[in-house]
Protein backbone atom coordinates (compact mmCIF):
# COMPACT_ATOMS: atom_id res chain seq x y z
CA MET A 1 25.91 -5.25 17.21
CA GLU A 2 29.72 -4.92 16.12
CA THR A 3 28.87 -6.28 12.66
CA VAL A 4 26.24 -3.38 11.91
CA VAL A 5 28.38 -0.57 13.88
CA THR A 6 31.42 -1.88 11.44
CA VAL A 7 28.92 -1.90 8.29
CA LEU A 8 27.93 1.88 8.93
CA VAL A 9 31.72 3.43 9.81
CA LEU A 10 32.64 1.51 6.53
CA LEU A 11 29.45 3.06 4.54
CA PHE A 12 30.56 6.48 6.64
CA ALA A 13 34.39 6.25 5.33
CA VAL A 14 33.02 5.46 1.65
CA PHE A 15 30.88 8.25 1.68
CA VAL A 16 33.35 10.94 2.90
CA VAL A 17 35.90 9.80 0.22
CA LEU A 18 33.65 9.61 -2.60
CA GLY A 19 32.43 13.12 -1.50
CA ALA A 20 36.54 14.35 -1.29
CA TYR A 21 37.28 12.85 -4.71
CA ALA A 22 33.78 14.52 -6.28
CA ALA A 23 35.00 17.72 -4.53
CA VAL A 24 38.34 17.80 -5.80
CA LYS A 25 37.09 16.67 -9.73
CA VAL A 26 34.81 19.65 -9.36
CA VAL A 27 37.60 22.11 -7.98
CA GLY A 28 39.63 20.98 -10.93
CA ALA A 29 37.33 21.64 -13.51
CA ALA A 30 36.42 24.97 -12.26
CA LYS A 31 40.41 26.22 -11.60
CA ARG A 32 41.34 24.50 -15.19
CA SER A 33 37.69 26.78 -16.29
CA VAL A 34 38.75 29.82 -15.31
CA ASP A 35 42.62 29.09 -16.25
CA ARG A 36 41.01 29.04 -19.86
CA THR A 37 39.29 32.09 -19.72
CA ILE A 38 42.23 34.03 -18.54
CA THR A 39 44.11 32.71 -21.33
CA GLN A 40 42.04 33.46 -23.74
CA ALA A 41 41.06 37.02 -22.24
CA ARG A 42 44.96 37.76 -22.41
CA ARG A 43 45.19 36.62 -25.81
CA THR A 44 42.57 38.82 -26.84
CA VAL A 45 44.19 41.42 -25.31
CA GLU A 46 47.59 41.05 -27.13
CA ASP A 47 46.00 40.56 -30.06
CA HIS A 48 44.04 44.07 -29.75
CA THR A 49 47.53 45.37 -28.42
CA LEU A 50 49.47 43.73 -31.31
CA ARG A 51 46.61 45.15 -33.77
CA ALA A 52 46.89 48.66 -32.22
CA LYS A 53 51.13 49.33 -32.59
CA SER A 54 50.75 47.76 -35.93
CA PHE A 55 48.43 50.97 -36.97
CA THR A 56 49.70 53.71 -34.66
CA GLN A 57 53.67 52.89 -34.69
CA LEU A 58 55.81 53.31 -37.68
CA GLY A 59 58.96 51.82 -38.90
CA PRO A 60 60.37 48.60 -37.50
CA ALA A 61 58.35 48.53 -34.39
CA GLY A 62 55.00 48.51 -36.37
CA GLU A 63 56.23 45.94 -38.40
CA LEU A 64 57.39 43.29 -35.66
CA ALA A 65 53.77 43.96 -34.27
CA GLN A 66 52.43 43.26 -37.37
CA LEU A 67 54.83 40.34 -37.73
CA ARG A 68 53.66 38.63 -34.41
CA LEU A 69 49.90 39.07 -35.39
CA THR A 70 49.80 37.46 -38.40
CA LEU A 71 52.11 34.57 -36.86
CA ARG A 72 49.54 34.26 -34.00
CA THR A 73 46.55 34.25 -36.04
CA SER A 74 47.42 31.58 -38.31
CA MET A 75 48.77 29.58 -35.85
CA ARG A 76 45.88 29.74 -33.63
CA ALA A 77 43.78 28.86 -36.68
CA THR A 78 45.65 25.81 -37.68
CA GLN A 79 45.59 24.64 -34.01
CA ASP A 80 41.65 24.76 -33.37
CA ALA A 81 41.06 23.33 -37.35
CA LEU A 82 42.96 20.45 -36.48
CA TYR A 83 41.89 19.50 -32.95
CA ALA A 84 38.31 19.87 -33.89
CA GLY A 85 38.41 17.67 -36.95
CA VAL A 86 40.65 15.04 -35.51
CA HIS A 87 37.27 13.60 -33.57
CA GLU A 88 35.27 12.78 -37.14
CA ASP A 89 38.82 12.13 -39.21
CA GLU A 90 41.52 9.84 -37.35
CA SER A 91 43.97 10.91 -40.17
CA LEU A 92 44.57 14.24 -39.02
CA LYS A 93 46.68 12.82 -35.75
CA GLU A 94 49.99 12.82 -38.01
CA SER A 95 49.19 16.12 -39.14
CA ILE A 96 48.86 17.24 -35.62
CA ALA A 97 52.11 15.71 -34.75
CA LEU A 98 53.69 17.93 -37.91
CA PHE A 99 52.01 20.97 -36.62
CA GLU A 100 53.16 20.27 -32.82
CA ARG A 101 56.22 20.48 -34.23
CA LEU A 102 55.97 23.48 -36.43
CA SER A 103 54.76 25.19 -33.50
CA VAL A 104 58.10 24.60 -31.44
CA HIS A 105 59.90 26.75 -34.20
CA GLY A 106 56.78 29.24 -33.77
CA ARG A 107 56.80 29.98 -30.31
CA GLU A 108 60.91 30.72 -30.60
CA LEU A 109 59.86 33.15 -33.69
CA GLU A 110 57.50 34.79 -30.87
CA GLY A 111 59.92 35.01 -28.40
CA ASP A 112 62.22 36.30 -30.79
CA LEU A 113 59.40 39.36 -32.02
CA LYS A 114 58.78 39.96 -28.58
CA ARG A 115 62.13 40.58 -27.28
CA LEU A 116 62.95 42.58 -30.47
CA GLU A 117 60.34 45.28 -29.57
CA ALA A 118 62.00 46.85 -26.85
CA GLU A 119 65.40 46.79 -28.67
CA PRO A 120 66.35 50.61 -28.26
CA ASP A 121 68.92 49.91 -31.69
CA ARG A 122 66.80 50.81 -34.17
CA ALA A 123 69.53 49.91 -36.98
CA THR A 124 70.04 46.56 -36.02
CA LEU A 125 66.44 45.62 -35.56
CA ALA A 126 66.24 46.74 -39.60
CA GLU A 127 69.17 44.71 -40.47
CA ARG A 128 67.01 41.38 -38.53
CA LEU A 129 63.92 42.21 -39.93
CA PRO A 130 64.05 40.80 -43.63
CA ALA A 131 65.02 37.88 -42.04
CA LEU A 132 62.42 37.71 -39.67
CA ARG A 133 59.74 38.56 -42.16
CA GLU A 134 61.51 35.43 -44.20
CA ARG A 135 60.64 32.81 -40.78
CA THR A 136 57.33 34.18 -40.00
CA ARG A 137 56.96 33.42 -44.14
CA ARG A 138 57.44 30.02 -43.89
CA ILE A 139 56.09 29.07 -40.46
CA THR A 140 52.78 31.20 -41.60
CA GLU A 141 52.38 29.31 -44.96
CA SER A 142 53.14 25.42 -43.84
CA ALA A 143 50.45 26.33 -40.84
CA ASP A 144 47.78 27.21 -43.80
CA SER A 145 48.85 24.67 -46.00
CA LEU A 146 47.90 21.86 -43.08
CA ARG A 147 45.02 24.04 -41.96
CA TRP A 148 43.51 24.20 -45.94
CA ALA A 149 44.32 20.51 -46.05
CA ALA A 150 42.63 19.46 -43.39
CA ARG A 151 39.36 21.48 -44.46
CA ASP A 152 39.69 20.64 -47.88
CA ARG A 153 39.63 16.92 -46.86
CA ALA A 154 36.35 17.73 -44.58
CA ARG A 155 34.78 19.26 -47.48
CA ARG A 156 35.48 16.02 -49.95
CA PHE A 157 33.67 14.15 -47.25
CA ALA A 158 31.02 16.10 -47.46
CA ASP A 159 30.35 16.37 -51.06
CA ASP A 160 31.04 12.50 -51.30
CA ASP A 161 28.60 12.16 -48.67
CA LEU A 162 26.27 14.18 -50.25
CA ASP A 163 26.06 12.63 -53.63
CA THR A 164 25.70 9.46 -52.49
CA LEU A 165 22.80 10.74 -50.41
CA SER A 166 21.45 12.59 -53.31
CA ALA A 167 21.24 9.26 -55.52
CA GLN A 168 20.09 7.51 -52.32
CA ILE A 169 16.84 10.29 -52.54
CA ASP A 170 16.51 10.34 -56.28
CA VAL A 171 15.81 6.50 -56.15
CA GLU A 172 13.98 6.39 -53.37
CA ALA A 173 11.69 8.91 -54.68
CA GLY A 174 11.20 7.55 -58.22
CA ALA A 175 10.12 4.55 -56.06
CA LEU A 176 7.50 6.73 -54.10
CA ARG A 177 6.47 7.89 -58.19
CA HIS A 178 6.22 4.52 -59.24
CA TRP A 179 2.66 5.07 -61.36
CA THR A 180 4.51 7.57 -63.78
CA LYS A 181 6.83 5.00 -64.99
CA THR A 182 5.30 3.40 -68.19
CA GLU A 183 6.17 0.11 -69.09
CA PRO A 184 7.34 -0.74 -73.11
CA THR A 185 5.09 -2.15 -75.32
CA GLU A 186 6.58 -5.40 -76.33
CA PRO A 187 6.28 -6.14 -80.01
CA THR A 188 3.70 -8.62 -81.53
CA THR A 189 6.38 -11.62 -82.87
CA GLY A 190 2.95 -13.92 -83.78
CA PRO A 191 1.12 -13.54 -87.15
CA THR A 192 -1.86 -10.85 -86.78
CA THR A 193 -5.25 -11.88 -87.81
CA GLU A 194 -7.14 -9.39 -90.01
CA PRO A 195 -11.15 -9.24 -90.48
CA PRO A 196 -11.92 -10.73 -93.30
CA THR A 197 -12.61 -8.18 -96.20
CA GLY A 198 -14.54 -10.37 -98.68
CA PRO A 199 -18.23 -10.68 -98.90
CA THR A 200 -20.18 -12.59 -95.65
CA THR A 201 -23.32 -14.14 -95.40
CA GLU A 202 -25.15 -12.71 -92.57
CA PRO A 203 -28.36 -14.75 -91.57
CA PRO A 204 -31.84 -13.45 -91.98
CA ALA A 205 -32.72 -10.92 -89.43
CA ALA A 206 -35.99 -13.09 -88.69
CA ALA A 207 -33.87 -16.48 -88.19
CA ALA A 208 -31.46 -14.18 -85.46
CA ASP A 209 -34.48 -12.24 -83.63
CA PRO A 210 -36.21 -14.27 -81.13
CA ARG A 211 -39.54 -12.26 -81.70
CA THR A 212 -40.10 -14.52 -85.34
CA TRP A 213 -40.37 -17.74 -83.26
CA PRO A 214 -43.56 -19.21 -83.56
CA GLY A 215 -46.03 -18.19 -81.01
CA ALA A 216 -44.50 -14.57 -80.81
CA PRO A 217 -45.86 -11.65 -81.78
CA ARG A 218 -45.02 -10.41 -85.31
CA GLN A 219 -43.80 -7.41 -85.65
CA ALA A 220 -45.58 -4.76 -87.90
CA SER A 221 -43.49 -4.07 -90.54
CA ALA A 222 -42.91 -0.45 -92.56
CA GLU A 223 -45.13 -0.98 -95.22
CA GLU A 224 -48.28 -2.43 -93.32
CA PRO A 225 -50.39 1.03 -92.24
CA ALA A 226 -50.85 1.29 -88.76
CA ARG A 227 -53.84 -0.30 -86.81
CA PRO A 228 -56.05 2.09 -84.44
CA ALA A 229 -55.77 1.45 -81.26
CA ILE A 230 -59.46 0.66 -80.59
CA THR A 231 -61.27 -0.19 -83.67
CA PRO A 232 -64.72 1.32 -84.52
CA SER A 233 -67.37 -0.91 -84.86
CA GLY A 234 -69.96 -0.96 -88.52
CA ARG A 235 -73.03 0.32 -86.79
CA ARG A 236 -73.51 2.92 -83.85
CA PRO A 237 -76.18 1.66 -81.24
CA VAL A 238 -79.72 3.91 -81.39
CA TYR A 239 -81.44 4.44 -78.31
CA PRO A 240 -84.89 5.78 -77.65
CA TRP A 241 -84.37 8.85 -76.38
CA GLN A 242 -82.40 9.60 -79.33
CA LYS A 243 -84.35 11.70 -82.20
CA LYS A 244 -84.88 9.61 -85.53
CA PRO A 245 -82.56 10.85 -88.40
CA ARG A 246 -84.63 12.32 -90.56
CA THR A 247 -84.18 11.33 -94.11
CA GLU A 248 -83.59 14.12 -96.75
CA SER A 249 -85.83 13.85 -99.86
CA THR A 250 -84.57 14.07 -103.06
CA THR A 251 -86.35 15.45 -106.41
């Protein structure tokens, strides 16, 4: 009895532990999903705000907003392209490592641009704009180079796979249409026999025709007249009821 109670207690403890673990995992997944949604919404709001500032504000403030928007768009697109393609191409791990190093410079530039938006001294801001513009150009060009290289590599793999697939399909289509293939005629190498052109002696028709054998009915030739089917007799019989033929007297 004590053994049964101990087993039941252990089972209950295992179920409690598993339930707590599952609850923690579910809560963690839900929290990560909520954080991801909030981060995405915050990024969307910031992008729309920067786009509005770049159109509405003039001078250095509007240019700063445009630089931030260009930097964020390029870095985010490159990050999405690299992390999406690494599942199919393991060689992109080195590109991701380079991109992480580039992201450090990008985040520093993002912070500098964000702080300069609140700078009241417009003259100092105008002096620093060329350097900020050059840093933004170098970082975005590097990010774009990584992104397009990854896309070109993926497209190249897709083209190679399509070429191989097309060749295999052509071979299979030819095998399915095997009846359309014409076999080449082999030229004859041996001497060819031609029919004799000189006069030949043919056996008489009577010897070749079995109807002329002894005992067989002879076929009527074209020179003999055709006989009637029923041969009439020489004299017709005279019956008593018939009148006698009257002889005509000659004078």
